């Protein structure tokens, strides 16, 4: 575990990964597991977060994230603001925030809180942006869903690029 000296950047990453979970619930944990597989994220011994360092977690979380990218475009997919999907986004955002905070030697509870708050904002913001853009353009909703995928992946990768994510000396 490393101790990041900039607690505001750790807090911003926790909230930011939560925001990504609000857009695509499975993506932050999949990205963290991928970074752990590159030895650029230390999930540590904090249960239940240590599973992110397991090879099977990379595969399962990667498949779940890929499935969500496809499933999001299907007309039968429930709204992210429905109670179940919304609660799931809060949970996954909280887990991602807790993992980032724990890796930096900060409070997992604070990281989880910031991650869950970010997820709520991401879910609301992503939904309303997609509805607005769909109404203002002639493009079908799946196109805006694909744009949202690119935003979520880009933001997630940017946030993880700025964390420790390098082996300690």
Foldseek 3Di string as FASTA:
>chain_A
DAADPDVVLLLVLLLLLLLLCLLQVLPLLLVQLVLLCVVQAQLDDDPPSNCSNDPVSNVVSVVSRVVSLVVVLDPVDDQCPPVPNLVSSLQSSLSSQLSSQVRNVHHSNSRSVSRSVSSNVNNVVLVVVLVVVVVVDVDDSNVSSVVSVVVSVVSSVVSSVPGRRDDDD
